[in-house]
Amino acid sequence: MRNRLELQEITRTFEDGGTERNILDQLSLEVAESELVAVMGPSGSGKSTFLSIAGALLEPTSGDVLLDGESIIGKTKQDLSEMRLRKIGFIFQSANLVPYLKVEEQLLLVAKLSGMKKARAAERAKELLDRVGLSHRLNAYPEKLSGGERQRVAIARALMNDPAVLFADEPTASLDASRGLDIVSMIAKQIKHQKKSAVIVTHDDRILPFCDRVFFLEEGKLVQK
């Protein structure tokens, strides 16, 4: 089984009053296809830095990140942007839907940015929205959706370009317990079904039974629990 995501001895440093400090310290992680991994840790432990580097938003001080076997190191900003479009899907704490776009249009916009053909984009959007149980809400605007429905749209949108890896940043934080668990269950199901990798950064230990492995970020390293 291949690894969709690999972090190889990632170090990230910053200057603090003339002293160099490590946020991440030779951190390594491999996530195989069909695997859902949770990363936990207190505020200030480096979770945001970890997520930014793993998601090709920030280059490490040293080390390498491979997305579907392709390194992010040394790429131009444009190349990284294209890589994120092709290889990565993001799900945020709030769904971050475009308020003036209908549900189906949220997905079609992503497809347009990546150059997907219109016919294929329309077909895939309908397929994904049906899979997350929203085929009856194609023409609804975000303001008409419940919190759980908005997050389900966000999951479908994140999968639209067939990414290798999904990153979810506190996806249950804005939802009640029942809806939050439904969302993580859905993410886990889609990961298995489409043979993707997924990393959830979370404080919510209720979702851990849905995860294949759980790590804590401690002193710049990932420790499996």
C-alpha atoms as a PDB file:
ATOM      1  CA  MET A   1       0.000   0.000   0.000  1.00  0.00           C
ATOM      2  CA  ARG A   2       1.563   3.294  -1.068  1.00  0.00           C
ATOM      3  CA  ASN A   3       2.018   6.385   1.047  1.00  0.00           C
ATOM      4  CA  ARG A   4       0.036   9.376  -0.136  1.00  0.00           C
ATOM      5  CA  LEU A   5       1.792  11.706   2.335  1.00  0.00           C
ATOM      6  CA  GLU A   6       5.341  11.605   3.696  1.00  0.00           C
ATOM      7  CA  LEU A   7       7.035  14.110   5.991  1.00  0.00           C
ATOM      8  CA  GLN A   8      10.740  13.378   6.213  1.00  0.00           C
ATOM      9  CA  GLU A   9      12.675  14.809   9.179  1.00  0.00           C
ATOM     10  CA  ILE A  10      10.872  18.147   9.072  1.00  0.00           C
ATOM     11  CA  THR A  11      12.447  20.966  11.074  1.00  0.00           C
ATOM     12  CA  ARG A  12      11.024  24.481  11.285  1.00  0.00           C
ATOM     13  CA  THR A  13      12.849  27.163  13.255  1.00  0.00           C
ATOM     14  CA  PHE A  14      12.221  30.816  14.086  1.00  0.00           C
ATOM     15  CA  GLU A  15      14.100  33.641  15.782  1.00  0.00           C
ATOM     16  CA  ASP A  16      12.935  34.646  19.269  1.00  0.00           C
ATOM     17  CA  GLY A  17      14.877  37.543  20.785  1.00  0.00           C
ATOM     18  CA  GLY A  18      18.055  36.524  19.016  1.00  0.00           C
ATOM     19  CA  THR A  19      17.615  32.873  19.986  1.00  0.00           C
ATOM     20  CA  GLU A  20      16.746  30.236  17.401  1.00  0.00           C
ATOM     21  CA  ARG A  21      13.878  27.988  18.472  1.00  0.00           C
ATOM     22  CA  ASN A  22      12.533  24.826  16.907  1.00  0.00           C
ATOM     23  CA  ILE A  23       8.792  24.618  16.349  1.00  0.00           C
ATOM     24  CA  LEU A  24       9.121  21.254  14.614  1.00  0.00           C
ATOM     25  CA  ASP A  25      12.181  19.123  15.300  1.00  0.00           C
ATOM     26  CA  GLN A  26      13.019  16.413  12.746  1.00  0.00           C
ATOM     27  CA  LEU A  27       9.365  15.387  12.612  1.00  0.00           C
ATOM     28  CA  SER A  28       8.543  12.417  10.387  1.00  0.00           C
ATOM     29  CA  LEU A  29       5.225  10.909   9.348  1.00  0.00           C
ATOM     30  CA  GLU A  30       3.967   8.533   6.677  1.00  0.00           C
ATOM     31  CA  VAL A  31       0.261   8.229   5.868  1.00  0.00           C
ATOM     32  CA  ALA A  32      -0.821   5.407   3.590  1.00  0.00           C
ATOM     33  CA  GLU A  33      -3.751   5.428   1.218  1.00  0.00           C
ATOM     34  CA  SER A  34      -7.084   4.700   2.913  1.00  0.00           C
ATOM     35  CA  GLU A  35      -5.616   5.844   6.242  1.00  0.00           C
ATOM     36  CA  LEU A  36      -7.025   8.538   8.532  1.00  0.00           C
ATOM     37  CA  VAL A  37      -4.590  10.001  11.064  1.00  0.00           C
ATOM     38  CA  ALA A  38      -5.370  12.381  13.929  1.00  0.00           C
ATOM     39  CA  VAL A  39      -2.866  14.907  15.257  1.00  0.00           C
ATOM     40  CA  MET A  40      -3.525  16.400  18.685  1.00  0.00           C
ATOM     41  CA  GLY A  41      -1.664  18.791  20.955  1.00  0.00           C
ATOM     42  CA  PRO A  42      -2.152  21.884  23.121  1.00  0.00           C
ATOM     43  CA  SER A  43      -2.220  25.416  21.747  1.00  0.00           C
ATOM     44  CA  GLY A  44       1.285  26.526  20.850  1.00  0.00           C
ATOM     45  CA  SER A  45       2.547  23.000  20.219  1.00  0.00           C
ATOM     46  CA  GLY A  46       3.060  23.650  16.507  1.00  0.00           C
ATOM     47  CA  LYS A  47      -0.078  22.081  15.016  1.00  0.00           C
ATOM     48  CA  SER A  48      -0.730  25.038  12.685  1.00  0.00           C
ATOM     49  CA  THR A  49       2.889  25.005  11.497  1.00  0.00           C
ATOM     50  CA  PHE A  50       2.692  21.246  10.965  1.00  0.00           C
ATOM     51  CA  LEU A  51      -0.517  21.600   8.939  1.00  0.00           C
ATOM     52  CA  SER A  52       0.879  24.476   6.858  1.00  0.00           C
ATOM     53  CA  ILE A  53       4.013  22.528   5.954  1.00  0.00           C
ATOM     54  CA  ALA A  54       2.195  19.252   5.265  1.00  0.00           C
ATOM     55  CA  GLY A  55      -0.306  21.167   3.115  1.00  0.00           C
ATOM     56  CA  ALA A  56       2.414  22.852   1.009  1.00  0.00           C
ATOM     57  CA  LEU A  57       1.572  26.296   2.373  1.00  0.00           C
ATOM     58  CA  LEU A  58       4.902  26.732   4.164  1.00  0.00           C
ATOM     59  CA  GLU A  59       8.349  25.363   3.336  1.00  0.00           C
ATOM     60  CA  PRO A  60      10.276  23.707   6.175  1.00  0.00           C
ATOM     61  CA  THR A  61      13.664  24.943   7.332  1.00  0.00           C
ATOM     62  CA  SER A  62      14.940  21.457   6.522  1.00  0.00           C
ATOM     63  CA  GLY A  63      13.469  18.117   5.542  1.00  0.00           C
ATOM     64  CA  ASP A  64      11.075  17.181   2.768  1.00  0.00           C
ATOM     65  CA  VAL A  65       7.360  16.699   2.156  1.00  0.00           C
ATOM     66  CA  LEU A  66       6.158  14.256  -0.487  1.00  0.00           C
ATOM     67  CA  LEU A  67       2.590  14.422  -1.775  1.00  0.00           C
ATOM     68  CA  ASP A  68       1.793  11.297  -3.770  1.00  0.00           C
ATOM     69  CA  GLY A  69       5.543  10.837  -4.166  1.00  0.00           C
ATOM     70  CA  GLU A  70       6.178  14.407  -5.380  1.00  0.00           C
ATOM     71  CA  SER A  71       8.384  16.733  -3.319  1.00  0.00           C
ATOM     72  CA  ILE A  72       7.285  20.282  -2.477  1.00  0.00           C
ATOM     73  CA  ILE A  73      10.852  21.495  -1.946  1.00  0.00           C
ATOM     74  CA  GLY A  74      12.282  24.031  -4.383  1.00  0.00           C
ATOM     75  CA  LYS A  75       9.041  24.619  -6.267  1.00  0.00           C
ATOM     76  CA  THR A  76       7.911  28.087  -7.351  1.00  0.00           C
ATOM     77  CA  LYS A  77       4.821  29.680  -5.797  1.00  0.00           C
ATOM     78  CA  GLN A  78       2.863  28.935  -8.967  1.00  0.00           C
ATOM     79  CA  ASP A  79       3.983  25.298  -8.980  1.00  0.00           C
ATOM     80  CA  LEU A  80       3.008  24.944  -5.319  1.00  0.00           C
ATOM     81  CA  SER A  81      -0.392  26.498  -6.005  1.00  0.00           C
ATOM     82  CA  GLU A  82      -0.991  24.031  -8.833  1.00  0.00           C
ATOM     83  CA  MET A  83       0.208  21.183  -6.637  1.00  0.00           C
ATOM     84  CA  ARG A  84      -2.277  22.121  -3.921  1.00  0.00           C
ATOM     85  CA  LEU A  85      -5.067  22.172  -6.501  1.00  0.00           C
ATOM     86  CA  ARG A  86      -4.121  18.719  -7.801  1.00  0.00           C
ATOM     87  CA  LYS A  87      -2.921  16.926  -4.689  1.00  0.00           C
ATOM     88  CA  ILE A  88      -4.633  18.446  -1.643  1.00  0.00           C
ATOM     89  CA  GLY A  89      -8.114  18.992  -0.292  1.00  0.00           C
ATOM     90  CA  PHE A  90      -8.657  21.265   2.727  1.00  0.00           C
ATOM     91  CA  ILE A  91     -11.563  21.144   5.185  1.00  0.00           C
ATOM     92  CA  PHE A  92     -11.605  23.981   7.713  1.00  0.00           C
ATOM     93  CA  GLN A  93     -13.232  24.590  11.096  1.00  0.00           C
ATOM     94  CA  SER A  94     -15.864  26.702   9.379  1.00  0.00           C
ATOM     95  CA  ALA A  95     -16.862  25.416   5.963  1.00  0.00           C
ATOM     96  CA  ASN A  96     -15.608  28.616   4.239  1.00  0.00           C
ATOM     97  CA  LEU A  97     -18.177  28.359   1.476  1.00  0.00           C
ATOM     98  CA  VAL A  98     -18.536  31.223  -0.990  1.00  0.00           C
ATOM     99  CA  PRO A  99     -21.761  32.930   0.175  1.00  0.00           C
ATOM    100  CA  TYR A 100     -23.047  33.887  -3.279  1.00  0.00           C
ATOM    101  CA  LEU A 101     -22.539  30.457  -4.874  1.00  0.00           C
ATOM    102  CA  LYS A 102     -25.061  27.624  -4.764  1.00  0.00           C
ATOM    103  CA  VAL A 103     -23.988  24.215  -3.469  1.00  0.00           C
ATOM    104  CA  GLU A 104     -23.202  22.723  -6.884  1.00  0.00           C
ATOM    105  CA  GLU A 105     -21.407  25.921  -7.934  1.00  0.00           C
ATOM    106  CA  GLN A 106     -19.048  25.626  -4.936  1.00  0.00           C
ATOM    107  CA  LEU A 107     -17.666  22.411  -6.435  1.00  0.00           C
ATOM    108  CA  LEU A 108     -17.720  23.603 -10.043  1.00  0.00           C
ATOM    109  CA  LEU A 109     -15.599  26.626  -9.139  1.00  0.00           C
ATOM    110  CA  VAL A 110     -12.822  24.367  -7.841  1.00  0.00           C
ATOM    111  CA  ALA A 111     -13.032  22.267 -10.997  1.00  0.00           C
ATOM    112  CA  LYS A 112     -12.821  25.376 -13.173  1.00  0.00           C
ATOM    113  CA  LEU A 113      -9.697  26.601 -11.377  1.00  0.00           C
ATOM    114  CA  SER A 114      -7.996  23.283 -12.074  1.00  0.00           C
ATOM    115  CA  GLY A 115      -9.013  23.195 -15.740  1.00  0.00           C
ATOM    116  CA  MET A 116     -11.395  20.239 -15.485  1.00  0.00           C
ATOM    117  CA  LYS A 117     -13.712  19.887 -18.488  1.00  0.00           C
ATOM    118  CA  LYS A 118     -17.246  21.143 -17.853  1.00  0.00           C
ATOM    119  CA  ALA A 119     -18.997  17.866 -18.598  1.00  0.00           C
ATOM    120  CA  ARG A 120     -16.696  15.903 -16.318  1.00  0.00           C
ATOM    121  CA  ALA A 121     -16.956  18.573 -13.607  1.00  0.00           C
ATOM    122  CA  ALA A 122     -20.761  18.486 -13.638  1.00  0.00           C
ATOM    123  CA  GLU A 123     -20.737  14.688 -13.488  1.00  0.00           C
ATOM    124  CA  ARG A 124     -18.262  14.565 -10.607  1.00  0.00           C
ATOM    125  CA  ALA A 125     -20.035  17.301  -8.624  1.00  0.00           C
ATOM    126  CA  LYS A 126     -23.336  15.429  -8.780  1.00  0.00           C
ATOM    127  CA  GLU A 127     -21.613  12.148  -7.864  1.00  0.00           C
ATOM    128  CA  LEU A 128     -19.898  13.645  -4.797  1.00  0.00           C
ATOM    129  CA  LEU A 129     -22.950  15.528  -3.571  1.00  0.00           C
ATOM    130  CA  ASP A 130     -24.993  12.362  -3.875  1.00  0.00           C
ATOM    131  CA  ARG A 131     -22.313  10.500  -1.893  1.00  0.00           C
ATOM    132  CA  VAL A 132     -22.516  13.003   0.989  1.00  0.00           C
ATOM    133  CA  GLY A 133     -26.306  13.008   0.914  1.00  0.00           C
ATOM    134  CA  LEU A 134     -26.870  16.453  -0.592  1.00  0.00           C
ATOM    135  CA  SER A 135     -28.169  15.709  -4.083  1.00  0.00           C
ATOM    136  CA  HIS A 136     -31.421  17.425  -3.102  1.00  0.00           C
ATOM    137  CA  ARG A 137     -29.597  20.661  -2.149  1.00  0.00           C
ATOM    138  CA  LEU A 138     -27.745  21.421  -5.401  1.00  0.00           C
ATOM    139  CA  ASN A 139     -29.309  24.855  -5.786  1.00  0.00           C
ATOM    140  CA  ALA A 140     -29.292  25.984  -2.153  1.00  0.00           C
ATOM    141  CA  TYR A 141     -27.145  28.887  -0.980  1.00  0.00           C
ATOM    142  CA  PRO A 142     -24.910  28.422   2.106  1.00  0.00           C
ATOM    143  CA  GLU A 143     -27.164  30.593   4.291  1.00  0.00           C
ATOM    144  CA  LYS A 144     -29.979  28.068   3.775  1.00  0.00           C
ATOM    145  CA  LEU A 145     -27.881  25.111   4.946  1.00  0.00           C
ATOM    146  CA  SER A 146     -27.398  23.755   8.450  1.00  0.00           C
ATOM    147  CA  GLY A 147     -23.899  23.623   9.950  1.00  0.00           C
ATOM    148  CA  GLY A 148     -23.661  19.918   9.205  1.00  0.00           C
ATOM    149  CA  GLU A 149     -24.802  20.415   5.618  1.00  0.00           C
ATOM    150  CA  ARG A 150     -22.204  23.144   5.074  1.00  0.00           C
ATOM    151  CA  GLN A 151     -19.456  20.834   6.311  1.00  0.00           C
ATOM    152  CA  ARG A 152     -20.694  18.077   4.002  1.00  0.00           C
ATOM    153  CA  VAL A 153     -20.454  20.496   1.081  1.00  0.00           C
ATOM    154  CA  ALA A 154     -16.916  21.300   2.235  1.00  0.00           C
ATOM    155  CA  ILE A 155     -16.028  17.582   2.179  1.00  0.00           C
ATOM    156  CA  ALA A 156     -17.411  17.175  -1.339  1.00  0.00           C
ATOM    157  CA  ARG A 157     -15.582  20.322  -2.486  1.00  0.00           C
ATOM    158  CA  ALA A 158     -12.321  19.064  -0.959  1.00  0.00           C
ATOM    159  CA  LEU A 159     -12.667  15.824  -2.942  1.00  0.00           C
ATOM    160  CA  MET A 160     -13.648  17.515  -6.192  1.00  0.00           C
ATOM    161  CA  ASN A 161     -10.223  17.450  -7.840  1.00  0.00           C
ATOM    162  CA  ASP A 162      -9.476  13.889  -6.734  1.00  0.00           C
ATOM    163  CA  PRO A 163      -6.668  14.918  -4.314  1.00  0.00           C
ATOM    164  CA  ALA A 164      -4.159  12.504  -2.830  1.00  0.00           C
ATOM    165  CA  VAL A 165      -4.480  13.907   0.684  1.00  0.00           C
ATOM    166  CA  LEU A 166      -7.227  15.553   2.715  1.00  0.00           C
ATOM    167  CA  PHE A 167      -6.364  17.899   5.587  1.00  0.00           C
ATOM    168  CA  ALA A 168      -9.068  18.772   8.103  1.00  0.00           C
ATOM    169  CA  ASP A 169      -8.429  21.544  10.642  1.00  0.00           C
ATOM    170  CA  GLU A 170     -10.749  21.176  13.658  1.00  0.00           C
ATOM    171  CA  PRO A 171     -13.681  20.067  11.444  1.00  0.00           C
ATOM    172  CA  THR A 172     -16.009  19.435  14.409  1.00  0.00           C
ATOM    173  CA  ALA A 173     -15.351  22.658  16.328  1.00  0.00           C
ATOM    174  CA  SER A 174     -18.384  24.560  15.049  1.00  0.00           C
ATOM    175  CA  LEU A 175     -20.788  21.585  15.262  1.00  0.00           C
ATOM    176  CA  ASP A 176     -22.696  19.904  18.040  1.00  0.00           C
ATOM    177  CA  ALA A 177     -21.492  16.466  19.170  1.00  0.00           C
ATOM    178  CA  SER A 178     -23.806  14.396  16.989  1.00  0.00           C
ATOM    179  CA  ARG A 179     -23.183  16.361  13.794  1.00  0.00           C
ATOM    180  CA  GLY A 180     -19.457  16.491  14.490  1.00  0.00           C
ATOM    181  CA  LEU A 181     -19.221  12.723  14.739  1.00  0.00           C
ATOM    182  CA  ASP A 182     -21.306  12.337  11.578  1.00  0.00           C
ATOM    183  CA  ILE A 183     -18.857  14.589   9.702  1.00  0.00           C
ATOM    184  CA  VAL A 184     -15.770  12.663  10.816  1.00  0.00           C
ATOM    185  CA  SER A 185     -17.494   9.368  10.050  1.00  0.00           C
ATOM    186  CA  MET A 186     -18.192  10.681   6.568  1.00  0.00           C
ATOM    187  CA  ILE A 187     -14.576  11.793   6.080  1.00  0.00           C
ATOM    188  CA  ALA A 188     -13.368   8.345   7.177  1.00  0.00           C
ATOM    189  CA  LYS A 189     -15.809   6.625   4.832  1.00  0.00           C
ATOM    190  CA  GLN A 190     -14.787   8.726   1.827  1.00  0.00           C
ATOM    191  CA  ILE A 191     -11.082   8.163   2.547  1.00  0.00           C
ATOM    192  CA  LYS A 192     -11.553   4.394   2.524  1.00  0.00           C
ATOM    193  CA  HIS A 193     -13.818   4.470  -0.518  1.00  0.00           C
ATOM    194  CA  GLN A 194     -11.492   6.602  -2.657  1.00  0.00           C
ATOM    195  CA  LYS A 195      -8.155   5.341  -1.251  1.00  0.00           C
ATOM    196  CA  LYS A 196      -7.030   8.797  -0.119  1.00  0.00           C
ATOM    197  CA  SER A 197      -4.967   9.745   2.913  1.00  0.00           C
ATOM    198  CA  ALA A 198      -6.302  12.146   5.523  1.00  0.00           C
ATOM    199  CA  VAL A 199      -4.909  14.059   8.478  1.00  0.00           C
ATOM    200  CA  ILE A 200      -7.236  15.652  11.029  1.00  0.00           C
ATOM    201  CA  VAL A 201      -5.825  18.230  13.438  1.00  0.00           C
ATOM    202  CA  THR A 202      -8.183  18.269  16.404  1.00  0.00           C
ATOM    203  CA  HIS A 203      -8.785  18.806  20.115  1.00  0.00           C
ATOM    204  CA  ASP A 204     -11.887  16.581  19.997  1.00  0.00           C
ATOM    205  CA  ASP A 205     -11.051  13.171  21.461  1.00  0.00           C
ATOM    206  CA  ARG A 206     -14.553  11.903  20.653  1.00  0.00           C
ATOM    207  CA  ILE A 207     -13.531  11.445  17.008  1.00  0.00           C
ATOM    208  CA  LEU A 208     -10.495   9.266  17.757  1.00  0.00           C
ATOM    209  CA  PRO A 209     -12.329   5.915  17.318  1.00  0.00           C
ATOM    210  CA  PHE A 210     -12.770   6.837  13.638  1.00  0.00           C
ATOM    211  CA  CYS A 211      -9.003   7.278  13.172  1.00  0.00           C
ATOM    212  CA  ASP A 212      -6.509   4.588  12.232  1.00  0.00           C
ATOM    213  CA  ARG A 213      -3.697   6.205  14.227  1.00  0.00           C
ATOM    214  CA  VAL A 214      -3.474   9.045  16.737  1.00  0.00           C
ATOM    215  CA  PHE A 215      -0.412  11.233  17.310  1.00  0.00           C
ATOM    216  CA  PHE A 216       0.378  13.953  19.849  1.00  0.00           C
ATOM    217  CA  LEU A 217       2.658  16.807  18.893  1.00  0.00           C
ATOM    218  CA  GLU A 218       5.158  17.100  21.740  1.00  0.00           C
ATOM    219  CA  GLU A 219       8.392  19.117  21.715  1.00  0.00           C
ATOM    220  CA  GLY A 220       8.288  19.383  17.949  1.00  0.00           C
ATOM    221  CA  LYS A 221       7.845  15.668  17.287  1.00  0.00           C
ATOM    222  CA  LEU A 222       4.888  13.374  16.699  1.00  0.00           C
ATOM    223  CA  VAL A 223       4.395  10.723  19.388  1.00  0.00           C
ATOM    224  CA  GLN A 224       1.955   7.909  18.614  1.00  0.00           C
ATOM    225  CA  LYS A 225      -0.570   7.141  21.366  1.00  0.00           C
END
